[in-house]
C-alpha atoms as a PDB file:
ATOM      1  CA  MET A   1       0.000   0.000   0.000  1.00  0.00           C
ATOM      2  CA  ASP A   2       1.305   3.433  -0.956  1.00  0.00           C
ATOM      3  CA  VAL A   3       0.329   5.706   1.941  1.00  0.00           C
ATOM      4  CA  GLU A   4       1.005   8.950   0.072  1.00  0.00           C
ATOM      5  CA  GLN A   5      -1.223   8.042  -2.892  1.00  0.00           C
ATOM      6  CA  ARG A   6      -3.653   5.932  -0.832  1.00  0.00           C
ATOM      7  CA  CYS A   7      -3.526   3.178  -3.409  1.00  0.00           C
ATOM      8  CA  VAL A   8      -2.858  -0.547  -3.146  1.00  0.00           C
ATOM      9  CA  TRP A   9      -0.471  -2.302  -5.507  1.00  0.00           C
ATOM     10  CA  ASP A  10      -2.048  -5.236  -7.325  1.00  0.00           C
ATOM     11  CA  TYR A  11       0.767  -7.740  -7.942  1.00  0.00           C
ATOM     12  CA  VAL A  12      -1.409  -9.833 -10.257  1.00  0.00           C
ATOM     13  CA  GLY A  13      -2.438  -6.932 -12.492  1.00  0.00           C
ATOM     14  CA  ASP A  14       0.900  -5.165 -11.974  1.00  0.00           C
ATOM     15  CA  ASN A  15      -0.709  -1.763 -11.269  1.00  0.00           C
ATOM     16  CA  TYR A  16      -2.337   0.323  -8.545  1.00  0.00           C
ATOM     17  CA  VAL A  17      -5.980  -0.359  -7.682  1.00  0.00           C
ATOM     18  CA  HIS A  18      -8.413   1.824  -5.793  1.00  0.00           C
ATOM     19  CA  ARG A  19     -11.136  -0.619  -4.785  1.00  0.00           C
ATOM     20  CA  LEU A  20     -10.603  -4.107  -3.430  1.00  0.00           C
ATOM     21  CA  ILE A  21     -12.946  -6.958  -2.544  1.00  0.00           C
ATOM     22  CA  GLN A  22     -12.462 -10.490  -1.294  1.00  0.00           C
ATOM     23  CA  ASN A  23     -13.014 -13.185  -3.902  1.00  0.00           C
ATOM     24  CA  LYS A  24     -15.672 -15.662  -2.696  1.00  0.00           C
ATOM     25  CA  ALA A  25     -14.161 -18.577  -4.576  1.00  0.00           C
ATOM     26  CA  ASP A  26     -10.678 -18.615  -3.043  1.00  0.00           C
ATOM     27  CA  GLY A  27     -10.746 -15.760  -0.494  1.00  0.00           C
ATOM     28  CA  LYS A  28      -8.062 -13.735  -2.276  1.00  0.00           C
ATOM     29  CA  ILE A  29      -8.250  -9.956  -2.372  1.00  0.00           C
ATOM     30  CA  VAL A  30      -8.885  -8.692  -5.917  1.00  0.00           C
ATOM     31  CA  ALA A  31      -9.552  -5.340  -7.586  1.00  0.00           C
ATOM     32  CA  VAL A  32     -13.154  -4.467  -8.378  1.00  0.00           C
ATOM     33  CA  GLN A  33     -13.867  -4.513 -12.081  1.00  0.00           C
ATOM     34  CA  ASP A  34     -16.063  -1.636 -13.241  1.00  0.00           C
ATOM     35  CA  GLN A  35     -18.816  -3.111 -15.431  1.00  0.00           C
ATOM     36  CA  ASP A  36     -20.087  -0.486 -17.875  1.00  0.00           C
ATOM     37  CA  GLY A  37     -19.594   2.393 -15.472  1.00  0.00           C
ATOM     38  CA  ILE A  38     -21.900   1.019 -12.765  1.00  0.00           C
ATOM     39  CA  LEU A  39     -19.531   2.027 -10.000  1.00  0.00           C
ATOM     40  CA  GLU A  40     -19.110   5.464 -11.498  1.00  0.00           C
ATOM     41  CA  GLU A  41     -22.892   5.889 -11.707  1.00  0.00           C
ATOM     42  CA  LYS A  42     -23.293   4.825  -8.087  1.00  0.00           C
ATOM     43  CA  PHE A  43     -20.557   7.216  -7.040  1.00  0.00           C
ATOM     44  CA  GLU A  44     -22.178  10.091  -8.926  1.00  0.00           C
ATOM     45  CA  SER A  45     -25.558   9.222  -7.425  1.00  0.00           C
ATOM     46  CA  LEU A  46     -24.145   9.193  -3.905  1.00  0.00           C
ATOM     47  CA  THR A  47     -22.282  12.431  -4.552  1.00  0.00           C
ATOM     48  CA  LEU A  48     -25.469  14.094  -5.756  1.00  0.00           C
ATOM     49  CA  GLU A  49     -27.432  12.838  -2.752  1.00  0.00           C
ATOM     50  CA  TYR A  50     -24.706  14.017  -0.371  1.00  0.00           C
ATOM     51  CA  SER A  51     -24.664  17.451  -2.015  1.00  0.00           C
ATOM     52  CA  TYR A  52     -28.446  17.691  -1.719  1.00  0.00           C
ATOM     53  CA  LEU A  53     -28.407  16.727   1.970  1.00  0.00           C
ATOM     54  CA  LEU A  54     -25.554  19.124   2.670  1.00  0.00           C
ATOM     55  CA  THR A  55     -27.412  21.939   0.906  1.00  0.00           C
ATOM     56  CA  GLN A  56     -30.556  21.260   2.939  1.00  0.00           C
ATOM     57  CA  GLN A  57     -28.609  21.200   6.200  1.00  0.00           C
ATOM     58  CA  LEU A  58     -26.788  24.436   5.409  1.00  0.00           C
ATOM     59  CA  GLU A  59     -30.059  26.118   4.474  1.00  0.00           C
ATOM     60  CA  SER A  60     -31.701  25.094   7.751  1.00  0.00           C
ATOM     61  CA  GLN A  61     -28.673  26.300   9.704  1.00  0.00           C
ATOM     62  CA  ARG A  62     -28.776  29.617   7.851  1.00  0.00           C
ATOM     63  CA  GLU A  63     -32.472  30.060   8.714  1.00  0.00           C
ATOM     64  CA  PHE A  64     -31.826  29.149  12.356  1.00  0.00           C
ATOM     65  CA  PHE A  65     -29.009  31.647  12.756  1.00  0.00           C
ATOM     66  CA  GLU A  66     -30.898  34.387  10.915  1.00  0.00           C
ATOM     67  CA  LYS A  67     -33.799  33.951  13.372  1.00  0.00           C
ATOM     68  CA  LYS A  68     -31.371  33.972  16.275  1.00  0.00           C
ATOM     69  CA  LEU A  69     -29.689  37.119  14.937  1.00  0.00           C
ATOM     70  CA  LEU A  70     -33.072  38.831  14.557  1.00  0.00           C
ATOM     71  CA  PHE A  71     -33.942  37.938  18.156  1.00  0.00           C
ATOM     72  CA  VAL A  72     -30.626  39.331  19.422  1.00  0.00           C
ATOM     73  CA  GLU A  73     -31.114  42.534  17.409  1.00  0.00           C
ATOM     74  CA  GLN A  74     -34.619  43.015  18.824  1.00  0.00           C
ATOM     75  CA  GLU A  75     -33.366  42.396  22.347  1.00  0.00           C
ATOM     76  CA  ALA A  76     -30.550  44.910  21.840  1.00  0.00           C
ATOM     77  CA  MET A  77     -32.992  47.523  20.510  1.00  0.00           C
ATOM     78  CA  GLU A  78     -35.206  47.040  23.580  1.00  0.00           C
ATOM     79  CA  ARG A  79     -32.232  47.485  25.885  1.00  0.00           C
ATOM     80  CA  ILE A  80     -31.140  50.605  23.963  1.00  0.00           C
ATOM     81  CA  ALA A  81     -34.652  52.045  24.326  1.00  0.00           C
ATOM     82  CA  ILE A  82     -34.575  51.392  28.080  1.00  0.00           C
ATOM     83  CA  VAL A  83     -31.164  53.025  28.454  1.00  0.00           C
ATOM     84  CA  GLU A  84     -32.244  56.042  26.365  1.00  0.00           C
ATOM     85  CA  GLY A  85     -35.313  56.437  28.608  1.00  0.00           C
ATOM     86  CA  GLU A  86     -33.121  56.336  31.677  1.00  0.00           C
ATOM     87  CA  VAL A  87     -30.731  58.900  30.157  1.00  0.00           C
ATOM     88  CA  GLN A  88     -33.670  61.242  29.446  1.00  0.00           C
ATOM     89  CA  LYS A  89     -34.949  60.787  32.991  1.00  0.00           C
ATOM     90  CA  VAL A  90     -31.526  61.569  34.494  1.00  0.00           C
ATOM     91  CA  THR A  91     -31.109  64.549  32.179  1.00  0.00           C
ATOM     92  CA  GLN A  92     -34.483  65.954  33.242  1.00  0.00           C
ATOM     93  CA  GLU A  93     -33.633  65.473  36.907  1.00  0.00           C
ATOM     94  CA  LYS A  94     -30.289  67.184  36.338  1.00  0.00           C
ATOM     95  CA  ASP A  95     -32.053  70.125  34.679  1.00  0.00           C
ATOM     96  CA  LYS A  96     -34.423  70.404  37.686  1.00  0.00           C
ATOM     97  CA  TYR A  97     -31.514  70.756  40.056  1.00  0.00           C
ATOM     98  CA  LYS A  98     -29.798  73.341  37.838  1.00  0.00           C
ATOM     99  CA  GLU A  99     -32.815  75.640  38.123  1.00  0.00           C
END
């Protein structure tokens, strides 16, 4: 096995292979033969499904955090309004004592 390339050397075929299975007849490890692109189709199908699931998950996370951000903004605005009211109150009291 070549760790850098992540491939296994097939001594029978005298080349690197990427997928291995165990032969049922004699128990030897052999390379998977791609019949008419079936493996490639399956890989593409799984890749598409993974992309779809990832897109859905990212979209739901985006919605969640947008709602959370909106809540935090509203809470901050309420606190700002309270502080502004208190500032006005203190300012008015200060003006009373000046007179």
